[in-house]
mmCIF file of all heavy atoms, coordinates in Angstrom:
data_MODEL
# 
_entry.id   MODEL 
# 
loop_
_atom_site.group_PDB 
_atom_site.id 
_atom_site.type_symbol 
_atom_site.label_atom_id 
_atom_site.label_alt_id 
_atom_site.label_comp_id 
_atom_site.label_asym_id 
_atom_site.label_entity_id 
_atom_site.label_seq_id 
_atom_site.pdbx_PDB_ins_code 
_atom_site.Cartn_x 
_atom_site.Cartn_y 
_atom_site.Cartn_z 
_atom_site.occupancy 
_atom_site.B_iso_or_equiv 
_atom_site.pdbx_formal_charge 
_atom_site.auth_seq_id 
_atom_site.auth_comp_id 
_atom_site.auth_asym_id 
_atom_site.auth_atom_id 
_atom_site.pdbx_PDB_model_num 
ATOM 1   N N   . ALA A 1 1  ? -126.764 -19.417 -11.485 1.00 0.00 ? 1  ALA A N   1 
ATOM 2   C CA  . ALA A 1 1  ? -126.806 -20.846 -11.641 1.00 0.00 ? 1  ALA A CA  1 
ATOM 3   C C   . ALA A 1 1  ? -127.802 -21.468 -10.611 1.00 0.00 ? 1  ALA A C   1 
ATOM 4   O O   . ALA A 1 1  ? -128.607 -22.381 -10.973 1.00 0.00 ? 1  ALA A O   1 
ATOM 5   C CB  . ALA A 1 1  ? -125.431 -21.466 -11.469 1.00 0.00 ? 1  ALA A CB  1 
ATOM 6   N N   . LEU A 1 2  ? -127.778 -20.999 -9.400  1.00 0.00 ? 2  LEU A N   1 
ATOM 7   C CA  . LEU A 1 2  ? -128.671 -21.497 -8.368  1.00 0.00 ? 2  LEU A CA  1 
ATOM 8   C C   . LEU A 1 2  ? -130.150 -21.203 -8.708  1.00 0.00 ? 2  LEU A C   1 
ATOM 9   O O   . LEU A 1 2  ? -131.009 -22.055 -8.529  1.00 0.00 ? 2  LEU A O   1 
ATOM 10  C CB  . LEU A 1 2  ? -128.304 -20.961 -6.985  1.00 0.00 ? 2  LEU A CB  1 
ATOM 11  C CG  . LEU A 1 2  ? -127.059 -21.508 -6.345  1.00 0.00 ? 2  LEU A CG  1 
ATOM 12  C CD1 . LEU A 1 2  ? -126.718 -20.731 -5.113  1.00 0.00 ? 2  LEU A CD1 1 
ATOM 13  C CD2 . LEU A 1 2  ? -127.231 -22.996 -6.046  1.00 0.00 ? 2  LEU A CD2 1 
ATOM 14  N N   . SER A 1 3  ? -130.397 -20.015 -9.196  1.00 0.00 ? 3  SER A N   1 
ATOM 15  C CA  . SER A 1 3  ? -131.769 -19.610 -9.518  1.00 0.00 ? 3  SER A CA  1 
ATOM 16  C C   . SER A 1 3  ? -132.293 -20.452 -10.701 1.00 0.00 ? 3  SER A C   1 
ATOM 17  O O   . SER A 1 3  ? -133.491 -20.662 -10.821 1.00 0.00 ? 3  SER A O   1 
ATOM 18  C CB  . SER A 1 3  ? -131.859 -18.139 -9.821  1.00 0.00 ? 3  SER A CB  1 
ATOM 19  O OG  . SER A 1 3  ? -131.231 -17.822 -11.044 1.00 0.00 ? 3  SER A OG  1 
ATOM 20  N N   . MET A 1 4  ? -131.398 -20.876 -11.560 1.00 0.00 ? 4  MET A N   1 
ATOM 21  C CA  . MET A 1 4  ? -131.776 -21.702 -12.708 1.00 0.00 ? 4  MET A CA  1 
ATOM 22  C C   . MET A 1 4  ? -131.754 -23.177 -12.466 1.00 0.00 ? 4  MET A C   1 
ATOM 23  O O   . MET A 1 4  ? -132.120 -23.983 -13.314 1.00 0.00 ? 4  MET A O   1 
ATOM 24  C CB  . MET A 1 4  ? -130.890 -21.378 -13.932 1.00 0.00 ? 4  MET A CB  1 
ATOM 25  C CG  . MET A 1 4  ? -131.010 -19.960 -14.436 1.00 0.00 ? 4  MET A CG  1 
ATOM 26  S SD  . MET A 1 4  ? -129.750 -19.607 -15.699 1.00 0.00 ? 4  MET A SD  1 
ATOM 27  C CE  . MET A 1 4  ? -129.596 -21.079 -16.603 1.00 0.00 ? 4  MET A CE  1 
ATOM 28  N N   . MET A 1 5  ? -131.220 -23.581 -11.316 1.00 0.00 ? 5  MET A N   1 
ATOM 29  C CA  . MET A 1 5  ? -130.988 -24.984 -10.992 1.00 0.00 ? 5  MET A CA  1 
ATOM 30  C C   . MET A 1 5  ? -130.031 -25.628 -11.996 1.00 0.00 ? 5  MET A C   1 
ATOM 31  O O   . MET A 1 5  ? -130.289 -26.753 -12.456 1.00 0.00 ? 5  MET A O   1 
ATOM 32  C CB  . MET A 1 5  ? -132.328 -25.779 -10.923 1.00 0.00 ? 5  MET A CB  1 
ATOM 33  C CG  . MET A 1 5  ? -133.334 -25.190 -9.917  1.00 0.00 ? 5  MET A CG  1 
ATOM 34  S SD  . MET A 1 5  ? -132.789 -25.369 -8.218  1.00 0.00 ? 5  MET A SD  1 
ATOM 35  C CE  . MET A 1 5  ? -132.975 -27.124 -7.964  1.00 0.00 ? 5  MET A CE  1 
ATOM 36  N N   . GLU A 1 6  ? -128.972 -24.934 -12.298 1.00 0.00 ? 6  GLU A N   1 
ATOM 37  C CA  . GLU A 1 6  ? -127.940 -25.435 -13.209 1.00 0.00 ? 6  GLU A CA  1 
ATOM 38  C C   . GLU A 1 6  ? -126.593 -25.291 -12.516 1.00 0.00 ? 6  GLU A C   1 
ATOM 39  O O   . GLU A 1 6  ? -126.502 -24.663 -11.446 1.00 0.00 ? 6  GLU A O   1 
ATOM 40  C CB  . GLU A 1 6  ? -127.921 -24.628 -14.517 1.00 0.00 ? 6  GLU A CB  1 
ATOM 41  C CG  . GLU A 1 6  ? -129.171 -24.757 -15.365 1.00 0.00 ? 6  GLU A CG  1 
ATOM 42  C CD  . GLU A 1 6  ? -129.285 -26.143 -16.033 1.00 0.00 ? 6  GLU A CD  1 
ATOM 43  O OE1 . GLU A 1 6  ? -128.309 -26.879 -16.099 1.00 0.00 ? 6  GLU A OE1 1 
ATOM 44  O OE2 . GLU A 1 6  ? -130.409 -26.484 -16.426 1.00 0.00 ? 6  GLU A OE2 1 
ATOM 45  N N   . LYS A 1 7  ? -125.552 -25.826 -13.127 1.00 0.00 ? 7  LYS A N   1 
ATOM 46  C CA  . LYS A 1 7  ? -124.197 -25.736 -12.565 1.00 0.00 ? 7  LYS A CA  1 
ATOM 47  C C   . LYS A 1 7  ? -123.570 -24.424 -12.902 1.00 0.00 ? 7  LYS A C   1 
ATOM 48  O O   . LYS A 1 7  ? -123.754 -23.880 -13.967 1.00 0.00 ? 7  LYS A O   1 
ATOM 49  C CB  . LYS A 1 7  ? -123.324 -26.893 -13.066 1.00 0.00 ? 7  LYS A CB  1 
ATOM 50  C CG  . LYS A 1 7  ? -123.808 -28.240 -12.570 1.00 0.00 ? 7  LYS A CG  1 
ATOM 51  C CD  . LYS A 1 7  ? -122.862 -29.350 -12.969 1.00 0.00 ? 7  LYS A CD  1 
ATOM 52  C CE  . LYS A 1 7  ? -123.371 -30.686 -12.424 1.00 0.00 ? 7  LYS A CE  1 
ATOM 53  N NZ  . LYS A 1 7  ? -122.467 -31.779 -12.761 1.00 0.00 ? 7  LYS A NZ  1 
ATOM 54  N N   . GLU A 1 8  ? -122.740 -23.940 -11.951 1.00 0.00 ? 8  GLU A N   1 
ATOM 55  C CA  . GLU A 1 8  ? -122.058 -22.641 -12.150 1.00 0.00 ? 8  GLU A CA  1 
ATOM 56  C C   . GLU A 1 8  ? -121.078 -22.728 -13.353 1.00 0.00 ? 8  GLU A C   1 
ATOM 57  O O   . GLU A 1 8  ? -120.917 -21.754 -14.109 1.00 0.00 ? 8  GLU A O   1 
ATOM 58  C CB  . GLU A 1 8  ? -121.299 -22.303 -10.888 1.00 0.00 ? 8  GLU A CB  1 
ATOM 59  C CG  . GLU A 1 8  ? -120.548 -20.968 -10.955 1.00 0.00 ? 8  GLU A CG  1 
ATOM 60  C CD  . GLU A 1 8  ? -119.789 -20.671 -9.688  1.00 0.00 ? 8  GLU A CD  1 
ATOM 61  O OE1 . GLU A 1 8  ? -119.781 -21.460 -8.729  1.00 0.00 ? 8  GLU A OE1 1 
ATOM 62  O OE2 . GLU A 1 8  ? -119.168 -19.582 -9.659  1.00 0.00 ? 8  GLU A OE2 1 
ATOM 63  N N   . LEU A 1 9  ? -120.461 -23.877 -13.540 1.00 0.00 ? 9  LEU A N   1 
ATOM 64  C CA  . LEU A 1 9  ? -119.519 -24.059 -14.656 1.00 0.00 ? 9  LEU A CA  1 
ATOM 65  C C   . LEU A 1 9  ? -120.226 -23.856 -16.011 1.00 0.00 ? 9  LEU A C   1 
ATOM 66  O O   . LEU A 1 9  ? -119.636 -23.315 -16.933 1.00 0.00 ? 9  LEU A O   1 
ATOM 67  C CB  . LEU A 1 9  ? -118.875 -25.426 -14.606 1.00 0.00 ? 9  LEU A CB  1 
ATOM 68  C CG  . LEU A 1 9  ? -117.818 -25.731 -15.643 1.00 0.00 ? 9  LEU A CG  1 
ATOM 69  C CD1 . LEU A 1 9  ? -116.652 -24.747 -15.492 1.00 0.00 ? 9  LEU A CD1 1 
ATOM 70  C CD2 . LEU A 1 9  ? -117.314 -27.152 -15.502 1.00 0.00 ? 9  LEU A CD2 1 
ATOM 71  N N   . LEU A 1 10 ? -121.485 -24.279 -16.111 1.00 0.00 ? 10 LEU A N   1 
ATOM 72  C CA  . LEU A 1 10 ? -122.248 -24.100 -17.326 1.00 0.00 ? 10 LEU A CA  1 
ATOM 73  C C   . LEU A 1 10 ? -122.385 -22.627 -17.636 1.00 0.00 ? 10 LEU A C   1 
ATOM 74  O O   . LEU A 1 10 ? -122.185 -22.188 -18.761 1.00 0.00 ? 10 LEU A O   1 
ATOM 75  C CB  . LEU A 1 10 ? -123.606 -24.780 -17.168 1.00 0.00 ? 10 LEU A CB  1 
ATOM 76  C CG  . LEU A 1 10 ? -124.578 -24.647 -18.347 1.00 0.00 ? 10 LEU A CG  1 
ATOM 77  C CD1 . LEU A 1 10 ? -124.069 -25.389 -19.545 1.00 0.00 ? 10 LEU A CD1 1 
ATOM 78  C CD2 . LEU A 1 10 ? -125.948 -25.039 -17.992 1.00 0.00 ? 10 LEU A CD2 1 
ATOM 79  N N   . ILE A 1 11 ? -122.760 -21.832 -16.643 1.00 0.00 ? 11 ILE A N   1 
ATOM 80  C CA  . ILE A 1 11 ? -122.894 -20.393 -16.810 1.00 0.00 ? 11 ILE A CA  1 
ATOM 81  C C   . ILE A 1 11 ? -121.589 -19.756 -17.215 1.00 0.00 ? 11 ILE A C   1 
ATOM 82  O O   . ILE A 1 11 ? -121.551 -18.908 -18.115 1.00 0.00 ? 11 ILE A O   1 
ATOM 83  C CB  . ILE A 1 11 ? -123.433 -19.749 -15.537 1.00 0.00 ? 11 ILE A CB  1 
ATOM 84  C CG1 . ILE A 1 11 ? -124.742 -20.360 -15.081 1.00 0.00 ? 11 ILE A CG1 1 
ATOM 85  C CG2 . ILE A 1 11 ? -123.555 -18.239 -15.668 1.00 0.00 ? 11 ILE A CG2 1 
ATOM 86  C CD1 . ILE A 1 11 ? -125.872 -20.227 -16.096 1.00 0.00 ? 11 ILE A CD1 1 
ATOM 87  N N   . LYS A 1 12 ? -120.517 -20.144 -16.609 1.00 0.00 ? 12 LYS A N   1 
ATOM 88  C CA  . LYS A 1 12 ? -119.183 -19.599 -16.926 1.00 0.00 ? 12 LYS A CA  1 
ATOM 89  C C   . LYS A 1 12 ? -118.835 -19.858 -18.369 1.00 0.00 ? 12 LYS A C   1 
ATOM 90  O O   . LYS A 1 12 ? -118.382 -18.950 -19.089 1.00 0.00 ? 12 LYS A O   1 
ATOM 91  C CB  . LYS A 1 12 ? -118.093 -20.187 -15.994 1.00 0.00 ? 12 LYS A CB  1 
ATOM 92  C CG  . LYS A 1 12 ? -118.143 -19.673 -14.602 1.00 0.00 ? 12 LYS A CG  1 
ATOM 93  C CD  . LYS A 1 12 ? -117.034 -20.268 -13.766 1.00 0.00 ? 12 LYS A CD  1 
ATOM 94  C CE  . LYS A 1 12 ? -117.104 -19.714 -12.344 1.00 0.00 ? 12 LYS A CE  1 
ATOM 95  N NZ  . LYS A 1 12 ? -116.017 -20.199 -11.490 1.00 0.00 ? 12 LYS A NZ  1 
ATOM 96  N N   . LYS A 1 13 ? -119.060 -21.093 -18.845 1.00 0.00 ? 13 LYS A N   1 
ATOM 97  C CA  . LYS A 1 13 ? -118.720 -21.431 -20.227 1.00 0.00 ? 13 LYS A CA  1 
ATOM 98  C C   . LYS A 1 13 ? -119.609 -20.701 -21.237 1.00 0.00 ? 13 LYS A C   1 
ATOM 99  O O   . LYS A 1 13 ? -119.123 -20.287 -22.274 1.00 0.00 ? 13 LYS A O   1 
ATOM 100 C CB  . LYS A 1 13 ? -118.809 -22.951 -20.445 1.00 0.00 ? 13 LYS A CB  1 
ATOM 101 C CG  . LYS A 1 13 ? -117.662 -23.689 -19.792 1.00 0.00 ? 13 LYS A CG  1 
ATOM 102 C CD  . LYS A 1 13 ? -117.631 -25.132 -20.222 1.00 0.00 ? 13 LYS A CD  1 
ATOM 103 C CE  . LYS A 1 13 ? -116.377 -25.765 -19.642 1.00 0.00 ? 13 LYS A CE  1 
ATOM 104 N NZ  . LYS A 1 13 ? -116.044 -26.997 -20.295 1.00 0.00 ? 13 LYS A NZ  1 
ATOM 105 N N   . ILE A 1 14 ? -120.863 -20.539 -20.908 1.00 0.00 ? 14 ILE A N   1 
ATOM 106 C CA  . ILE A 1 14 ? -121.785 -19.822 -21.790 1.00 0.00 ? 14 ILE A CA  1 
ATOM 107 C C   . ILE A 1 14 ? -121.372 -18.397 -21.897 1.00 0.00 ? 14 ILE A C   1 
ATOM 108 O O   . ILE A 1 14 ? -121.332 -17.782 -22.950 1.00 0.00 ? 14 ILE A O   1 
ATOM 109 C CB  . ILE A 1 14 ? -123.240 -19.979 -21.308 1.00 0.00 ? 14 ILE A CB  1 
ATOM 110 C CG1 . ILE A 1 14 ? -123.712 -21.423 -21.540 1.00 0.00 ? 14 ILE A CG1 1 
ATOM 111 C CG2 . ILE A 1 14 ? -124.161 -19.013 -22.027 1.00 0.00 ? 14 ILE A CG2 1 
ATOM 112 C CD1 . ILE A 1 14 ? -125.043 -21.740 -20.938 1.00 0.00 ? 14 ILE A CD1 1 
ATOM 113 N N   . GLU A 1 15 ? -121.011 -17.757 -20.728 1.00 0.00 ? 15 GLU A N   1 
ATOM 114 C CA  . GLU A 1 15 ? -120.647 -16.363 -20.732 1.00 0.00 ? 15 GLU A CA  1 
ATOM 115 C C   . GLU A 1 15 ? -119.296 -16.127 -21.463 1.00 0.00 ? 15 GLU A C   1 
ATOM 116 O O   . GLU A 1 15 ? -119.029 -15.021 -21.947 1.00 0.00 ? 15 GLU A O   1 
ATOM 117 C CB  . GLU A 1 15 ? -120.539 -15.818 -19.308 1.00 0.00 ? 15 GLU A CB  1 
ATOM 118 C CG  . GLU A 1 15 ? -121.881 -15.485 -18.727 1.00 0.00 ? 15 GLU A CG  1 
ATOM 119 C CD  . GLU A 1 15 ? -121.802 -14.713 -17.425 1.00 0.00 ? 15 GLU A CD  1 
ATOM 120 O OE1 . GLU A 1 15 ? -120.717 -14.257 -17.041 1.00 0.00 ? 15 GLU A OE1 1 
ATOM 121 O OE2 . GLU A 1 15 ? -122.841 -14.516 -16.792 1.00 0.00 ? 15 GLU A OE2 1 
ATOM 122 N N   . LYS A 1 16 ? -118.426 -17.119 -21.492 1.00 0.00 ? 16 LYS A N   1 
ATOM 123 C CA  . LYS A 1 16 ? -117.158 -17.001 -22.214 1.00 0.00 ? 16 LYS A CA  1 
ATOM 124 C C   . LYS A 1 16 ? -117.374 -17.255 -23.714 1.00 0.00 ? 16 LYS A C   1 
ATOM 125 O O   . LYS A 1 16 ? -116.478 -16.976 -24.522 1.00 0.00 ? 16 LYS A O   1 
ATOM 126 C CB  . LYS A 1 16 ? -116.141 -18.011 -21.716 1.00 0.00 ? 16 LYS A CB  1 
ATOM 127 C CG  . LYS A 1 16 ? -115.534 -17.678 -20.384 1.00 0.00 ? 16 LYS A CG  1 
ATOM 128 C CD  . LYS A 1 16 ? -114.493 -18.742 -20.014 1.00 0.00 ? 16 LYS A CD  1 
ATOM 129 C CE  . LYS A 1 16 ? -113.880 -18.472 -18.702 1.00 0.00 ? 16 LYS A CE  1 
ATOM 130 N NZ  . LYS A 1 16 ? -112.912 -19.555 -18.351 1.00 0.00 ? 16 LYS A NZ  1 
ATOM 131 N N   . GLY A 1 17 ? -118.510 -17.735 -24.078 1.00 0.00 ? 17 GLY A N   1 
ATOM 132 C CA  . GLY A 1 17 ? -118.780 -18.068 -25.507 1.00 0.00 ? 17 GLY A CA  1 
ATOM 133 C C   . GLY A 1 17 ? -118.213 -19.390 -25.900 1.00 0.00 ? 17 GLY A C   1 
ATOM 134 O O   . GLY A 1 17 ? -118.147 -19.718 -27.090 1.00 0.00 ? 17 GLY A O   1 
ATOM 135 N N   . GLU A 1 18 ? -117.805 -20.212 -24.948 1.00 0.00 ? 18 GLU A N   1 
ATOM 136 C CA  . GLU A 1 18 ? -117.225 -21.551 -25.251 1.00 0.00 ? 18 GLU A CA  1 
ATOM 137 C C   . GLU A 1 18 ? -118.384 -22.556 -25.472 1.00 0.00 ? 18 GLU A C   1 
ATOM 138 O O   . GLU A 1 18 ? -118.093 -23.627 -25.994 1.00 0.00 ? 18 GLU A O   1 
ATOM 139 C CB  . GLU A 1 18 ? -116.388 -22.029 -24.076 1.00 0.00 ? 18 GLU A CB  1 
ATOM 140 C CG  . GLU A 1 18 ? -115.126 -21.213 -23.853 1.00 0.00 ? 18 GLU A CG  1 
ATOM 141 C CD  . GLU A 1 18 ? -114.370 -21.652 -22.638 1.00 0.00 ? 18 GLU A CD  1 
ATOM 142 O OE1 . GLU A 1 18 ? -114.792 -22.564 -21.921 1.00 0.00 ? 18 GLU A OE1 1 
ATOM 143 O OE2 . GLU A 1 18 ? -113.306 -21.047 -22.373 1.00 0.00 ? 18 GLU A OE2 1 
ATOM 144 N N   . LEU A 1 19 ? -119.577 -22.245 -25.011 1.00 0.00 ? 19 LEU A N   1 
ATOM 145 C CA  . LEU A 1 19 ? -120.659 -23.215 -25.093 1.00 0.00 ? 19 LEU A CA  1 
ATOM 146 C C   . LEU A 1 19 ? -121.905 -22.477 -25.546 1.00 0.00 ? 19 LEU A C   1 
ATOM 147 O O   . LEU A 1 19 ? -122.228 -21.390 -25.039 1.00 0.00 ? 19 LEU A O   1 
ATOM 148 C CB  . LEU A 1 19 ? -120.862 -23.829 -23.705 1.00 0.00 ? 19 LEU A CB  1 
ATOM 149 C CG  . LEU A 1 19 ? -121.887 -24.966 -23.554 1.00 0.00 ? 19 LEU A CG  1 
ATOM 150 C CD1 . LEU A 1 19 ? -121.310 -26.208 -24.309 1.00 0.00 ? 19 LEU A CD1 1 
ATOM 151 C CD2 . LEU A 1 19 ? -122.101 -25.290 -22.146 1.00 0.00 ? 19 LEU A CD2 1 
ATOM 152 N N   . ILE A 1 20 ? -122.605 -23.042 -26.470 1.00 0.00 ? 20 ILE A N   1 
ATOM 153 C CA  . ILE A 1 20 ? -123.878 -22.504 -26.938 1.00 0.00 ? 20 ILE A CA  1 
ATOM 154 C C   . ILE A 1 20 ? -124.976 -23.170 -26.105 1.00 0.00 ? 20 ILE A C   1 
ATOM 155 O O   . ILE A 1 20 ? -125.071 -24.393 -26.048 1.00 0.00 ? 20 ILE A O   1 
ATOM 156 C CB  . ILE A 1 20 ? -124.102 -22.769 -28.411 1.00 0.00 ? 20 ILE A CB  1 
ATOM 157 C CG1 . ILE A 1 20 ? -123.073 -22.029 -29.243 1.00 0.00 ? 20 ILE A CG1 1 
ATOM 158 C CG2 . ILE A 1 20 ? -125.528 -22.344 -28.849 1.00 0.00 ? 20 ILE A CG2 1 
ATOM 159 C CD1 . ILE A 1 20 ? -123.149 -22.284 -30.719 1.00 0.00 ? 20 ILE A CD1 1 
ATOM 160 N N   . PRO A 1 21 ? -125.817 -22.370 -25.445 1.00 0.00 ? 21 PRO A N   1 
ATOM 161 C CA  . PRO A 1 21 ? -126.816 -22.953 -24.553 1.00 0.00 ? 21 PRO A CA  1 
ATOM 162 C C   . PRO A 1 21 ? -127.872 -23.742 -25.306 1.00 0.00 ? 21 PRO A C   1 
ATOM 163 O O   . PRO A 1 21 ? -128.286 -23.330 -26.388 1.00 0.00 ? 21 PRO A O   1 
ATOM 164 C CB  . PRO A 1 21 ? -127.464 -21.761 -23.820 1.00 0.00 ? 21 PRO A CB  1 
ATOM 165 C CG  . PRO A 1 21 ? -127.176 -20.596 -24.722 1.00 0.00 ? 21 PRO A CG  1 
ATOM 166 C CD  . PRO A 1 21 ? -125.891 -20.914 -25.406 1.00 0.00 ? 21 PRO A CD  1 
ATOM 167 N N   . GLU A 1 22 ? -128.265 -24.886 -24.763 1.00 0.00 ? 22 GLU A N   1 
ATOM 168 C CA  . GLU A 1 22 ? -129.325 -25.673 -25.375 1.00 0.00 ? 22 GLU A CA  1 
ATOM 169 C C   . GLU A 1 22 ? -130.649 -24.945 -25.131 1.00 0.00 ? 22 GLU A C   1 
ATOM 170 O O   . GLU A 1 22 ? -130.716 -23.987 -24.359 1.00 0.00 ? 22 GLU A O   1 
ATOM 171 C CB  . GLU A 1 22 ? -129.367 -27.085 -24.740 1.00 0.00 ? 22 GLU A CB  1 
ATOM 172 C CG  . GLU A 1 22 ? -128.156 -27.897 -25.094 1.00 0.00 ? 22 GLU A CG  1 
ATOM 173 C CD  . GLU A 1 22 ? -128.198 -29.304 -24.528 1.00 0.00 ? 22 GLU A CD  1 
ATOM 174 O OE1 . GLU A 1 22 ? -129.261 -29.662 -23.928 1.00 0.00 ? 22 GLU A OE1 1 
ATOM 175 O OE2 . GLU A 1 22 ? -127.235 -30.030 -24.674 1.00 0.00 ? 22 GLU A OE2 1 
ATOM 176 N N   . GLU A 1 23 ? -131.670 -25.405 -25.824 1.00 0.00 ? 23 GLU A N   1 
ATOM 177 C CA  . GLU A 1 23 ? -132.980 -24.733 -25.798 1.00 0.00 ? 23 GLU A CA  1 
ATOM 178 C C   . GLU A 1 23 ? -133.539 -24.541 -24.387 1.00 0.00 ? 23 GLU A C   1 
ATOM 179 O O   . GLU A 1 23 ? -133.968 -23.432 -24.034 1.00 0.00 ? 23 GLU A O   1 
ATOM 180 C CB  . GLU A 1 23 ? -133.964 -25.531 -26.631 1.00 0.00 ? 23 GLU A CB  1 
ATOM 181 C CG  . GLU A 1 23 ? -135.274 -24.840 -26.930 1.00 0.00 ? 23 GLU A CG  1 
ATOM 182 C CD  . GLU A 1 23 ? -135.133 -23.713 -27.932 1.00 0.00 ? 23 GLU A CD  1 
ATOM 183 O OE1 . GLU A 1 23 ? -134.105 -23.693 -28.657 1.00 0.00 ? 23 GLU A OE1 1 
ATOM 184 O OE2 . GLU A 1 23 ? -136.052 -22.887 -27.991 1.00 0.00 ? 23 GLU A OE2 1 
ATOM 185 N N   . ASP A 1 24 ? -133.493 -25.571 -23.555 1.00 0.00 ? 24 ASP A N   1 
ATOM 186 C CA  . ASP A 1 24 ? -134.086 -25.457 -22.198 1.00 0.00 ? 24 ASP A CA  1 
ATOM 187 C C   . ASP A 1 24 ? -133.264 -24.500 -21.357 1.00 0.00 ? 24 ASP A C   1 
ATOM 188 O O   . ASP A 1 24 ? -133.812 -23.713 -20.584 1.00 0.00 ? 24 ASP A O   1 
ATOM 189 C CB  . ASP A 1 24 ? -134.227 -26.832 -21.560 1.00 0.00 ? 24 ASP A CB  1 
ATOM 190 C CG  . ASP A 1 24 ? -132.904 -27.585 -21.396 1.00 0.00 ? 24 ASP A CG  1 
ATOM 191 O OD1 . ASP A 1 24 ? -132.027 -27.361 -22.248 1.00 0.00 ? 24 ASP A OD1 1 
ATOM 192 O OD2 . ASP A 1 24 ? -132.754 -28.357 -20.439 1.00 0.00 ? 24 ASP A OD2 1 
ATOM 193 N N   . VAL A 1 25 ? -131.952 -24.549 -21.457 1.00 0.00 ? 25 VAL A N   1 
ATOM 194 C CA  . VAL A 1 25 ? -131.072 -23.639 -20.692 1.00 0.00 ? 25 VAL A CA  1 
ATOM 195 C C   . VAL A 1 25 ? -131.262 -22.188 -21.172 1.00 0.00 ? 25 VAL A C   1 
ATOM 196 O O   . VAL A 1 25 ? -131.330 -21.275 -20.364 1.00 0.00 ? 25 VAL A O   1 
ATOM 197 C CB  . VAL A 1 25 ? -129.596 -24.082 -20.799 1.00 0.00 ? 25 VAL A CB  1 
ATOM 198 C CG1 . VAL A 1 25 ? -128.677 -23.079 -20.087 1.00 0.00 ? 25 VAL A CG1 1 
ATOM 199 C CG2 . VAL A 1 25 ? -129.383 -25.469 -20.248 1.00 0.00 ? 25 VAL A CG2 1 
# 
């Protein structure tokens, strides 16, 4: 998350399959 300048919660949700990443992410 830090290397991407995004929030850690976003990474957690994407890895759980709860969230589909947007194009830029």
